[in-house]
Amino acid sequence: MKTVAGIDMGTQSIKVVLYDWESKKIVSKAQEPVDIIAENDGTREQKTEWYDSAMKKCFDAFSAEQKSTIKAIGISGHQHGFVPLDADGKALYNVKLWNDTSTVEECKILTEQAGGNDAVIAEVCNLMLPGFTAPKIFWLKRHKPEAFAKLKYIMLPHDYLNWSLTGTYVAEYGDASGMAIFNGVRRQWSKKICDLIDPSLISLLPPLIEADKPAGTVSKKAASLFGIPEGIPVSSGGGDNMMGAIGTGTVRDGFLTMSLGTSGTLYGYSDSPVADPVKGLSGFNSSTGGYLPLLCTMNCTVATEETRKLFELDVKAFDACAAQAPIGSDGVVFLPFFNGERTPNLPNGRASIVGLTAANSRRANIARAAMESAIFGMRIGLEAFQALGFRAKEIRLIGGGSKSPLWREMAANIMNLPVKRPVNDEAAAMGSAIQALWCLQNLEGTKTSIGALTDAHIEINEAECINPDPAAVSAYNKAYAEYNRYLEALTPLYS
């Protein structure tokens, strides 16, 4: 048996799958939780040692025989995080995460110094938002100057795991395009934005490699620590959305992937640049070559989880409760900004339930409104895609929320597109494994396209397809208009 290992570094856990590409099945998988430091000022951080420990525990869960079958490794990591290391590879501070909103002031300063939003978009294909990496780097300089003075390596979370396995300091275009210091059209670091943070910054950034190239090979140190073969290639890897695109077969024009997890994302592959940062559609690169326009909301399953805990219901009971309410939740609207929000750009946003009356104040309506809010946020992104001429054929749904039949029905009817699910729900891990296989085969002289590999290894459950229902689409259109009415009215409170 021969396998490739796909590592999925999520916000709350690290998962490793071993995929036997000849039999086309995952033969083993392991998962370990990772804690989060959360503060009321928007701080969301983790520690590098938590990553090291979780990855080791995952590999320790496999037998020596299983680990000996690994021929290549690929890594997916949550985007935009900032891992600051000194010359000895030691963390200088915690890892600031994608959902950290404590850098609002840094975003304002950088945007003003760059010459405004249009100038920032011209330089990095995105707005300067708290979720991105650049303001986190600037935050370290402003708030931890002694640590910044020792800064030697600037890494994203997936780059850190690559470095832990190989000792090689590199980055790839997909994940780099979400840092707000990289121009995805020119495919190079932005000296202008880097200089605004610090004149020495651009000299600290890693060299960039193509998606089909190896980040390096497993070092002797890593082989001993994790019990894996020394010298096997570690592919370039990428952000979780980039790897999720591979794991759902979204590597050609016309498909959209929607991920319903802690954050909500909607993204599609494009051969040419597609972006509208003002409307929340980020201009990212893919981790297969090409581009990956993407919408991200910072509150997706967060709203349902918080509401579910409040009502003391398990997941199935919560869905059953929500199903008792009508489309539109009888006028109840949930604005789910528990973590602030990126789309719309409301880093100081707060969650609220509006539209309550003596007649509709029922638990079922609140539960359903929480679920509907997640998909309404995605529809904002779909409208931005459509305005730019991107014509989606279908949505491929992943993430924890995709397991809910009610959420799948909502997605089909709110978005007015067929919704399908991959048979394997480990999209990011599978994407990492397939990218590793792509890298391995290219190194061995078998030139293979990533599309051919996803066709061969990503199975879509056609029987589970949900097509839009015209009557439900019409009802959701009215509910979506009501959602936007409240959103517009409350936005000034958080701007």
Protein backbone atom coordinates (compact mmCIF):
# COMPACT_ATOMS: atom_id res chain seq x y z
CA MET A 1 0.00 0.00 0.00
CA LYS A 2 1.15 3.53 -0.83
CA THR A 3 -0.41 6.64 0.69
CA VAL A 4 -0.20 10.40 0.67
CA ALA A 5 -0.86 12.28 3.91
CA GLY A 6 -3.20 15.26 3.89
CA ILE A 7 -2.93 17.57 6.90
CA ASP A 8 -5.88 19.87 7.59
CA MET A 9 -4.98 22.60 10.08
CA GLY A 10 -8.38 23.98 11.08
CA THR A 11 -9.09 26.78 13.53
CA GLN A 12 -10.12 24.36 16.26
CA SER A 13 -8.22 21.17 15.40
CA ILE A 14 -5.54 19.53 13.29
CA LYS A 15 -6.52 16.49 11.26
CA VAL A 16 -4.35 14.07 9.29
CA VAL A 17 -5.68 11.60 6.72
CA LEU A 18 -3.77 8.84 4.95
CA TYR A 19 -5.12 8.42 1.42
CA ASP A 20 -4.39 5.29 -0.63
CA TRP A 21 -4.57 6.69 -4.14
CA GLU A 22 -4.52 3.29 -5.83
CA SER A 23 -7.60 2.01 -4.00
CA LYS A 24 -9.03 5.57 -3.85
CA LYS A 25 -9.90 5.54 -0.17
CA ILE A 26 -8.84 7.11 3.11
CA VAL A 27 -7.31 4.25 5.06
CA SER A 28 -6.84 6.07 8.36
CA LYS A 29 -7.30 9.46 9.98
CA ALA A 30 -6.57 11.19 13.27
CA GLN A 31 -7.64 14.48 14.80
CA GLU A 32 -6.53 16.59 17.77
CA PRO A 33 -8.10 19.77 19.18
CA VAL A 34 -6.32 23.13 19.30
CA ASP A 35 -7.31 25.77 21.84
CA ILE A 36 -7.98 29.46 21.12
CA ILE A 37 -7.16 32.55 23.19
CA ALA A 38 -10.17 34.89 22.91
CA GLU A 39 -10.47 38.38 24.41
CA ASN A 40 -13.25 40.97 24.33
CA ASP A 41 -11.11 43.38 22.29
CA GLY A 42 -11.32 41.02 19.31
CA THR A 43 -8.11 39.11 20.07
CA ARG A 44 -8.09 35.56 18.68
CA GLU A 45 -4.71 33.84 19.06
CA GLN A 46 -2.97 30.48 19.32
CA LYS A 47 0.51 29.21 20.15
CA THR A 48 2.93 27.43 17.82
CA GLU A 49 3.60 24.75 20.42
CA TRP A 50 -0.08 23.81 20.27
CA TYR A 51 0.35 23.12 16.55
CA ASP A 52 3.49 21.05 17.13
CA SER A 53 1.81 18.99 19.84
CA ALA A 54 -1.39 18.37 17.91
CA MET A 55 0.44 17.29 14.75
CA LYS A 56 2.64 14.90 16.72
CA LYS A 57 -0.39 13.34 18.44
CA CYS A 58 -2.06 12.84 15.08
CA PHE A 59 0.94 11.01 13.61
CA ASP A 60 1.38 9.04 16.85
CA ALA A 61 -2.16 7.71 16.36
CA PHE A 62 -1.02 5.82 13.24
CA SER A 63 0.89 2.55 13.39
CA ALA A 64 4.53 2.43 12.30
CA GLU A 65 3.43 0.31 9.32
CA GLN A 66 0.86 2.90 8.26
CA LYS A 67 3.36 5.75 8.52
CA SER A 68 5.89 3.80 6.44
CA THR A 69 3.46 3.88 3.48
CA ILE A 70 3.49 7.70 3.25
CA LYS A 71 5.14 8.84 0.00
CA ALA A 72 4.31 12.55 0.12
CA ILE A 73 2.60 15.08 2.40
CA GLY A 74 0.39 18.10 1.70
CA ILE A 75 -0.79 20.74 4.18
CA SER A 76 -3.87 22.93 4.40
CA GLY A 77 -3.93 25.76 6.95
CA HIS A 78 -6.36 28.44 8.02
CA GLN A 79 -5.55 31.58 6.08
CA HIS A 80 -4.24 35.01 7.11
CA GLY A 81 -2.67 34.05 10.44
CA PHE A 82 0.69 35.57 11.42
CA VAL A 83 3.41 33.31 12.80
CA PRO A 84 6.40 35.48 13.86
CA LEU A 85 9.67 33.59 14.45
CA ASP A 86 13.16 34.70 15.47
CA ALA A 87 16.42 33.60 13.88
CA ASP A 88 16.36 30.37 15.91
CA GLY A 89 12.83 29.52 14.77
CA LYS A 90 11.27 30.37 18.12
CA ALA A 91 7.92 32.13 18.26
CA LEU A 92 8.23 35.79 19.25
CA TYR A 93 4.53 36.11 20.06
CA ASN A 94 1.27 34.20 19.75
CA VAL A 95 -0.18 33.42 16.32
CA LYS A 96 -2.82 36.03 15.48
CA LEU A 97 -5.66 34.27 13.62
CA TRP A 98 -7.91 35.06 10.66
CA ASN A 99 -10.78 35.98 13.01
CA ASP A 100 -8.70 38.36 15.14
CA THR A 101 -10.25 41.83 14.86
CA SER A 102 -7.93 43.71 17.23
CA THR A 103 -6.08 45.41 14.35
CA VAL A 104 -8.72 47.91 13.23
CA GLU A 105 -6.44 50.87 13.99
CA GLU A 106 -3.56 49.33 12.04
CA CYS A 107 -5.85 48.88 9.02
CA LYS A 108 -6.86 52.55 9.14
CA ILE A 109 -3.28 53.76 9.37
CA LEU A 110 -2.04 51.56 6.52
CA THR A 111 -4.97 52.48 4.29
CA GLU A 112 -4.46 56.21 4.86
CA GLN A 113 -0.70 55.99 4.28
CA ALA A 114 -1.21 53.94 1.10
CA GLY A 115 -3.50 56.63 -0.32
CA GLY A 116 -6.95 55.20 0.37
CA ASN A 117 -8.91 52.05 -0.43
CA ASP A 118 -8.42 52.27 -4.21
CA ALA A 119 -4.66 52.49 -3.80
CA VAL A 120 -4.64 49.47 -1.48
CA ILE A 121 -6.73 47.43 -3.92
CA ALA A 122 -4.35 48.35 -6.75
CA GLU A 123 -1.43 47.09 -4.68
CA VAL A 124 -2.79 43.92 -3.07
CA CYS A 125 -6.09 43.18 -4.91
CA ASN A 126 -7.97 43.49 -1.61
CA LEU A 127 -8.94 46.01 1.02
CA MET A 128 -6.84 46.31 4.17
CA LEU A 129 -9.03 44.31 6.56
CA PRO A 130 -8.39 43.15 10.16
CA GLY A 131 -8.60 39.51 9.10
CA PHE A 132 -5.57 39.77 6.81
CA THR A 133 -1.93 39.33 7.78
CA ALA A 134 -0.45 42.75 7.01
CA PRO A 135 -2.16 44.63 9.86
CA LYS A 136 -1.16 41.83 12.24
CA ILE A 137 2.49 42.36 11.33
CA PHE A 138 2.05 46.11 11.84
CA TRP A 139 0.32 45.41 15.16
CA LEU A 140 3.37 43.48 16.36
CA LYS A 141 5.61 46.41 15.46
CA ARG A 142 3.37 48.93 17.24
CA HIS A 143 2.52 46.89 20.34
CA LYS A 144 5.47 44.52 20.74
CA PRO A 145 8.46 46.48 19.35
CA GLU A 146 11.06 44.33 21.11
CA ALA A 147 9.62 41.21 19.49
CA PHE A 148 9.39 42.91 16.09
CA ALA A 149 13.05 43.90 16.30
CA LYS A 150 13.98 40.20 16.47
CA LEU A 151 11.67 39.15 13.62
CA LYS A 152 13.38 36.89 11.10
CA TYR A 153 10.69 34.65 9.62
CA ILE A 154 7.16 35.67 8.63
CA MET A 155 4.92 32.67 8.12
CA LEU A 156 1.32 31.76 7.60
CA PRO A 157 0.05 28.79 9.65
CA HIS A 158 0.40 26.28 6.80
CA ASP A 159 3.88 27.64 6.03
CA TYR A 160 4.81 26.99 9.65
CA LEU A 161 3.82 23.33 9.37
CA ASN A 162 5.75 23.06 6.08
CA TRP A 163 8.77 24.53 7.83
CA SER A 164 8.34 22.19 10.82
CA LEU A 165 8.48 19.21 8.47
CA THR A 166 11.20 20.40 6.07
CA GLY A 167 13.19 23.23 7.67
CA THR A 168 12.66 25.13 4.38
CA TYR A 169 11.38 28.71 4.37
CA VAL A 170 9.11 29.20 1.34
CA ALA A 171 5.59 30.36 0.49
CA GLU A 172 3.17 29.65 -2.36
CA TYR A 173 1.01 32.08 -4.29
CA GLY A 174 -2.45 31.01 -3.08
CA ASP A 175 -2.05 31.48 0.66
CA ALA A 176 0.29 34.45 0.14
CA SER A 177 -2.46 36.26 -1.79
CA GLY A 178 -4.47 36.52 1.44
CA MET A 179 -1.84 38.46 3.38
CA ALA A 180 -2.54 41.97 1.97
CA ILE A 181 1.15 42.39 1.17
CA PHE A 182 1.01 40.45 -2.13
CA ASN A 183 -0.26 41.44 -5.57
CA GLY A 184 -2.05 38.45 -7.08
CA VAL A 185 -2.16 39.85 -10.62
CA ARG A 186 1.57 40.66 -10.72
CA ARG A 187 2.24 37.58 -8.55
CA GLN A 188 4.77 39.34 -6.34
CA TRP A 189 5.15 40.91 -2.91
CA SER A 190 4.07 44.55 -2.71
CA LYS A 191 7.07 46.63 -1.77
CA LYS A 192 4.82 49.66 -1.29
CA ILE A 193 2.69 48.07 1.43
CA CYS A 194 5.67 46.31 3.01
CA ASP A 195 7.54 49.61 3.26
CA LEU A 196 4.57 51.23 4.99
CA ILE A 197 4.86 48.60 7.73
CA ASP A 198 8.67 48.65 7.88
CA PRO A 199 11.41 49.22 5.26
CA SER A 200 13.08 45.93 6.20
CA LEU A 201 9.92 43.84 5.90
CA ILE A 202 10.17 42.78 2.27
CA SER A 203 13.66 41.39 2.88
CA LEU A 204 12.22 39.05 5.54
CA LEU A 205 9.55 37.51 3.32
CA PRO A 206 10.07 33.99 1.92
CA PRO A 207 10.71 33.10 -1.73
CA LEU A 208 7.58 32.03 -3.63
CA ILE A 209 7.15 28.65 -5.30
CA GLU A 210 4.62 27.32 -7.82
CA ALA A 211 1.73 25.18 -6.61
CA ASP A 212 3.00 21.94 -8.18
CA LYS A 213 6.48 22.27 -6.65
CA PRO A 214 7.63 20.80 -3.31
CA ALA A 215 8.14 23.08 -0.33
CA GLY A 216 10.94 20.69 0.61
CA THR A 217 11.47 17.17 1.89
CA VAL A 218 10.92 15.73 5.36
CA SER A 219 14.00 16.46 7.43
CA LYS A 220 15.82 13.96 9.63
CA LYS A 221 14.61 15.86 12.70
CA ALA A 222 10.95 15.77 11.61
CA ALA A 223 11.19 12.12 10.56
CA SER A 224 12.41 11.22 14.05
CA LEU A 225 9.84 13.39 15.82
CA PHE A 226 6.79 12.27 13.85
CA GLY A 227 7.86 8.76 12.91
CA ILE A 228 7.47 9.38 9.17
CA PRO A 229 9.84 8.59 6.28
CA GLU A 230 12.77 10.96 5.87
CA GLY A 231 13.25 12.60 2.47
CA ILE A 232 9.70 12.32 1.13
CA PRO A 233 8.36 15.47 -0.57
CA VAL A 234 6.11 17.98 1.16
CA SER A 235 4.04 19.81 -1.44
CA SER A 236 3.58 23.57 -1.51
CA GLY A 237 0.30 23.27 0.41
CA GLY A 238 -2.02 26.24 0.74
CA GLY A 239 -4.79 27.96 2.61
CA ASP A 240 -7.77 25.93 3.74
CA ASN A 241 -9.98 27.46 1.07
CA MET A 242 -7.45 26.76 -1.66
CA MET A 243 -7.14 23.15 -0.52
CA GLY A 244 -10.91 22.90 -0.13
CA ALA A 245 -11.22 23.93 -3.77
CA ILE A 246 -9.03 20.98 -4.79
CA GLY A 247 -10.91 18.67 -2.43
CA THR A 248 -14.24 19.56 -4.07
CA GLY A 249 -12.99 19.57 -7.66
CA THR A 250 -13.37 23.35 -7.94
CA VAL A 251 -10.37 23.67 -10.22
CA ARG A 252 -12.22 24.79 -13.38
CA ASP A 253 -14.47 27.73 -14.25
CA GLY A 254 -18.15 27.46 -13.36
CA PHE A 255 -18.18 25.69 -10.01
CA LEU A 256 -18.54 27.30 -6.60
CA THR A 257 -17.60 25.76 -3.27
CA MET A 258 -19.47 26.88 -0.17
CA SER A 259 -18.00 26.01 3.20
CA LEU A 260 -20.21 26.19 6.26
CA GLY A 261 -17.80 26.08 9.17
CA THR A 262 -16.80 28.48 11.95
CA SER A 263 -16.39 30.95 9.11
CA GLY A 264 -18.44 30.81 5.95
CA THR A 265 -16.72 30.93 2.58
CA LEU A 266 -17.85 30.97 -1.03
CA TYR A 267 -15.24 30.64 -3.74
CA GLY A 268 -14.75 29.56 -7.32
CA TYR A 269 -11.85 28.88 -9.68
CA SER A 270 -11.12 31.32 -12.49
CA ASP A 271 -8.43 31.35 -15.18
CA SER A 272 -8.34 35.16 -15.01
CA PRO A 273 -8.45 37.60 -12.07
CA VAL A 274 -11.93 38.12 -10.59
CA ALA A 275 -12.40 40.41 -7.59
CA ASP A 276 -14.60 43.08 -6.07
CA PRO A 277 -13.10 43.78 -2.63
CA VAL A 278 -15.55 46.62 -1.92
CA LYS A 279 -18.41 44.10 -2.11
CA GLY A 280 -16.48 41.48 -0.16
CA LEU A 281 -15.14 39.40 -3.05
CA SER A 282 -11.44 38.99 -2.34
CA GLY A 283 -8.96 38.65 -5.18
CA PHE A 284 -7.00 35.54 -4.21
CA ASN A 285 -4.81 33.21 -6.22
CA SER A 286 -5.51 29.49 -6.26
CA SER A 287 -3.05 26.84 -5.09
CA THR A 288 -3.21 25.11 -8.46
CA GLY A 289 -2.29 28.09 -10.66
CA GLY A 290 -5.01 30.56 -11.64
CA TYR A 291 -7.27 32.54 -9.34
CA LEU A 292 -9.72 31.91 -6.51
CA PRO A 293 -12.16 34.81 -5.97
CA LEU A 294 -13.56 34.35 -2.47
CA LEU A 295 -16.09 35.74 -0.03
CA CYS A 296 -15.54 35.10 3.66
CA THR A 297 -17.89 35.75 6.55
CA MET A 298 -16.48 35.42 10.04
CA ASN A 299 -19.70 34.10 11.57
CA CYS A 300 -21.34 31.04 10.07
CA THR A 301 -21.92 28.07 12.35
CA VAL A 302 -20.95 30.45 15.18
CA ALA A 303 -24.52 31.80 15.22
CA THR A 304 -26.14 28.38 15.41
CA GLU A 305 -23.67 27.09 17.96
CA GLU A 306 -24.21 30.05 20.27
CA THR A 307 -27.98 29.81 19.89
CA ARG A 308 -27.94 26.05 20.32
CA LYS A 309 -26.01 26.38 23.58
CA LEU A 310 -28.40 29.06 24.78
CA PHE A 311 -31.38 26.77 24.10
CA GLU A 312 -29.51 23.72 25.49
CA LEU A 313 -30.18 21.61 22.38
CA ASP A 314 -27.95 19.13 20.58
CA VAL A 315 -27.39 19.56 16.84
CA LYS A 316 -30.21 17.28 15.67
CA ALA A 317 -32.69 18.78 18.13
CA PHE A 318 -31.68 22.28 17.04
CA ASP A 319 -32.28 21.46 13.36
CA ALA A 320 -35.62 19.88 14.22
CA CYS A 321 -36.58 22.99 16.16
CA ALA A 322 -35.62 25.29 13.26
CA ALA A 323 -37.56 23.14 10.80
CA GLN A 324 -40.77 23.95 12.67
CA ALA A 325 -40.55 27.61 11.61
CA PRO A 326 -41.56 28.88 8.15
CA ILE A 327 -39.21 30.28 5.52
CA GLY A 328 -38.21 33.74 6.70
CA SER A 329 -38.66 32.75 10.36
CA ASP A 330 -41.97 34.59 10.57
CA GLY A 331 -40.19 37.94 10.34
CA VAL A 332 -37.40 37.24 12.86
CA VAL A 333 -33.97 38.28 11.54
CA PHE A 334 -30.60 37.26 13.01
CA LEU A 335 -27.50 39.41 12.37
CA PRO A 336 -24.80 36.92 13.45
CA PHE A 337 -21.78 39.16 14.09
CA PHE A 338 -20.47 37.44 17.23
CA ASN A 339 -16.85 37.86 16.05
CA GLY A 340 -17.27 41.23 14.39
CA GLU A 341 -17.52 40.73 10.62
CA ARG A 342 -15.40 40.86 7.50
CA THR A 343 -18.21 40.79 4.91
CA PRO A 344 -19.75 43.26 5.37
CA ASN A 345 -16.70 45.04 6.82
CA LEU A 346 -17.87 45.51 10.41
CA PRO A 347 -14.95 44.50 12.67
CA ASN A 348 -16.73 46.08 15.64
CA GLY A 349 -20.05 44.45 14.81
CA ARG A 350 -22.19 42.68 17.39
CA ALA A 351 -24.81 39.98 16.99
CA SER A 352 -28.46 40.90 17.26
CA ILE A 353 -31.91 39.40 16.85
CA VAL A 354 -34.43 41.82 15.36
CA GLY A 355 -37.99 41.76 14.13
CA LEU A 356 -39.42 40.19 17.28
CA THR A 357 -43.06 40.74 18.13
CA ALA A 358 -45.43 39.23 20.67
CA ALA A 359 -46.68 36.97 17.88
CA ASN A 360 -43.37 35.58 16.54
CA SER A 361 -41.17 35.35 19.65
CA ARG A 362 -40.73 31.60 19.41
CA ARG A 363 -37.64 29.47 19.84
CA ALA A 364 -38.19 27.85 16.43
CA ASN A 365 -38.15 31.21 14.64
CA ILE A 366 -34.93 32.30 16.37
CA ALA A 367 -33.27 28.96 15.58
CA ARG A 368 -34.23 29.11 11.92
CA ALA A 369 -33.21 32.77 11.64
CA ALA A 370 -29.74 31.83 12.93
CA MET A 371 -29.43 29.21 10.18
CA GLU A 372 -30.80 31.46 7.46
CA SER A 373 -28.37 34.24 8.38
CA ALA A 374 -25.39 32.07 7.44
CA ILE A 375 -26.66 31.56 3.88
CA PHE A 376 -27.84 35.16 3.48
CA GLY A 377 -24.22 36.16 4.10
CA MET A 378 -23.15 33.80 1.31
CA ARG A 379 -25.69 35.28 -1.09
CA ILE A 380 -23.98 38.65 -0.81
CA GLY A 381 -20.93 36.96 -2.31
CA LEU A 382 -22.92 35.19 -5.03
CA GLU A 383 -24.33 38.53 -6.18
CA ALA A 384 -20.80 39.93 -6.38
CA PHE A 385 -19.73 36.92 -8.49
CA GLN A 386 -22.70 37.40 -10.83
CA ALA A 387 -22.08 41.13 -11.20
CA LEU A 388 -18.57 40.33 -12.47
CA GLY A 389 -19.87 37.88 -15.06
CA PHE A 390 -19.05 34.65 -13.20
CA ARG A 391 -21.82 32.20 -14.08
CA ALA A 392 -22.02 29.39 -11.56
CA LYS A 393 -23.44 26.01 -12.59
CA GLU A 394 -23.71 24.52 -9.13
CA ILE A 395 -22.54 24.80 -5.54
CA ARG A 396 -20.46 22.12 -3.85
CA LEU A 397 -21.16 22.25 -0.14
CA ILE A 398 -18.63 21.33 2.56
CA GLY A 399 -18.00 22.01 6.25
CA GLY A 400 -19.86 20.92 9.35
CA GLY A 401 -23.02 22.71 8.26
CA SER A 402 -23.20 20.68 5.05
CA LYS A 403 -24.29 17.66 7.09
CA SER A 404 -27.60 19.36 7.89
CA PRO A 405 -30.38 18.53 5.38
CA LEU A 406 -32.16 21.75 6.36
CA TRP A 407 -29.08 23.86 5.69
CA ARG A 408 -28.59 22.15 2.31
CA GLU A 409 -32.18 22.97 1.38
CA MET A 410 -31.68 26.58 2.48
CA ALA A 411 -28.49 26.85 0.41
CA ALA A 412 -30.17 25.60 -2.78
CA ASN A 413 -33.15 27.92 -2.45
CA ILE A 414 -31.48 31.06 -1.10
CA MET A 415 -28.72 30.83 -3.72
CA ASN A 416 -31.07 29.49 -6.43
CA LEU A 417 -28.50 26.95 -7.58
CA PRO A 418 -28.22 23.14 -7.41
CA VAL A 419 -26.35 22.05 -4.30
CA LYS A 420 -24.19 18.92 -4.18
CA ARG A 421 -21.86 17.38 -1.63
CA PRO A 422 -18.64 15.46 -2.18
CA VAL A 423 -18.93 11.86 -1.01
CA ASN A 424 -15.87 12.42 1.18
CA ASP A 425 -16.44 15.29 3.62
CA GLU A 426 -12.73 15.80 4.36
CA ALA A 427 -12.39 18.46 1.63
CA ALA A 428 -9.34 20.37 2.90
CA ALA A 429 -7.47 17.22 3.95
CA MET A 430 -8.31 15.51 0.66
CA GLY A 431 -7.27 18.59 -1.28
CA SER A 432 -3.93 18.56 0.52
CA ALA A 433 -3.48 14.85 -0.18
CA ILE A 434 -4.27 15.29 -3.89
CA GLN A 435 -1.91 18.24 -4.18
CA ALA A 436 0.76 16.05 -2.56
CA LEU A 437 0.03 13.34 -5.14
CA TRP A 438 0.27 15.93 -7.93
CA CYS A 439 3.65 17.05 -6.62
CA LEU A 440 4.87 13.46 -6.22
CA GLN A 441 3.87 12.38 -9.72
CA ASN A 442 5.45 15.46 -11.28
CA LEU A 443 8.69 14.75 -9.40
CA GLU A 444 8.59 11.18 -10.66
CA GLY A 445 8.19 12.37 -14.25
CA THR A 446 4.47 11.64 -14.67
CA LYS A 447 3.12 15.03 -15.72
CA THR A 448 -0.48 15.16 -14.57
CA SER A 449 -2.97 18.02 -14.45
CA ILE A 450 -4.68 18.83 -11.19
CA GLY A 451 -8.03 18.59 -13.01
CA ALA A 452 -7.32 15.03 -14.07
CA LEU A 453 -6.48 14.11 -10.48
CA THR A 454 -9.64 15.68 -9.02
CA ASP A 455 -11.72 13.93 -11.69
CA ALA A 456 -10.18 10.64 -10.65
CA HIS A 457 -10.25 11.07 -6.87
CA ILE A 458 -13.10 13.45 -5.93
CA GLU A 459 -16.50 11.79 -6.07
CA ILE A 460 -19.64 13.95 -6.01
CA ASN A 461 -22.85 12.49 -4.58
CA GLU A 462 -25.18 13.17 -7.51
CA ALA A 463 -28.05 11.31 -5.83
CA GLU A 464 -28.01 13.81 -2.95
CA CYS A 465 -28.31 16.84 -5.23
CA ILE A 466 -30.90 19.42 -4.13
CA ASN A 467 -32.40 21.54 -6.90
CA PRO A 468 -34.02 24.90 -6.13
CA ASP A 469 -37.79 24.97 -5.63
CA PRO A 470 -39.33 28.05 -7.33
CA ALA A 471 -41.84 28.73 -4.55
CA ALA A 472 -39.15 28.48 -1.86
CA VAL A 473 -36.81 30.68 -3.91
CA SER A 474 -39.49 33.38 -4.06
CA ALA A 475 -40.13 33.19 -0.30
CA TYR A 476 -36.42 33.38 0.49
CA ASN A 477 -36.02 36.39 -1.82
CA LYS A 478 -38.46 38.28 0.41
CA ALA A 479 -36.68 37.12 3.58
CA TYR A 480 -33.31 38.12 2.14
CA ALA A 481 -34.62 41.60 1.36
CA GLU A 482 -35.77 41.90 4.99
CA TYR A 483 -32.33 40.75 6.20
CA ASN A 484 -30.67 43.47 4.10
CA ARG A 485 -33.10 46.10 5.39
CA TYR A 486 -32.06 45.45 8.99
CA LEU A 487 -28.39 45.13 8.02
CA GLU A 488 -28.44 48.54 6.34
CA ALA A 489 -30.19 50.11 9.32
CA LEU A 490 -27.80 48.72 11.94
CA THR A 491 -24.52 49.09 10.03
CA PRO A 492 -23.93 52.70 11.23
CA LEU A 493 -23.83 51.44 14.82
CA TYR A 494 -20.72 49.37 14.10
CA SER A 495 -18.92 51.35 11.41
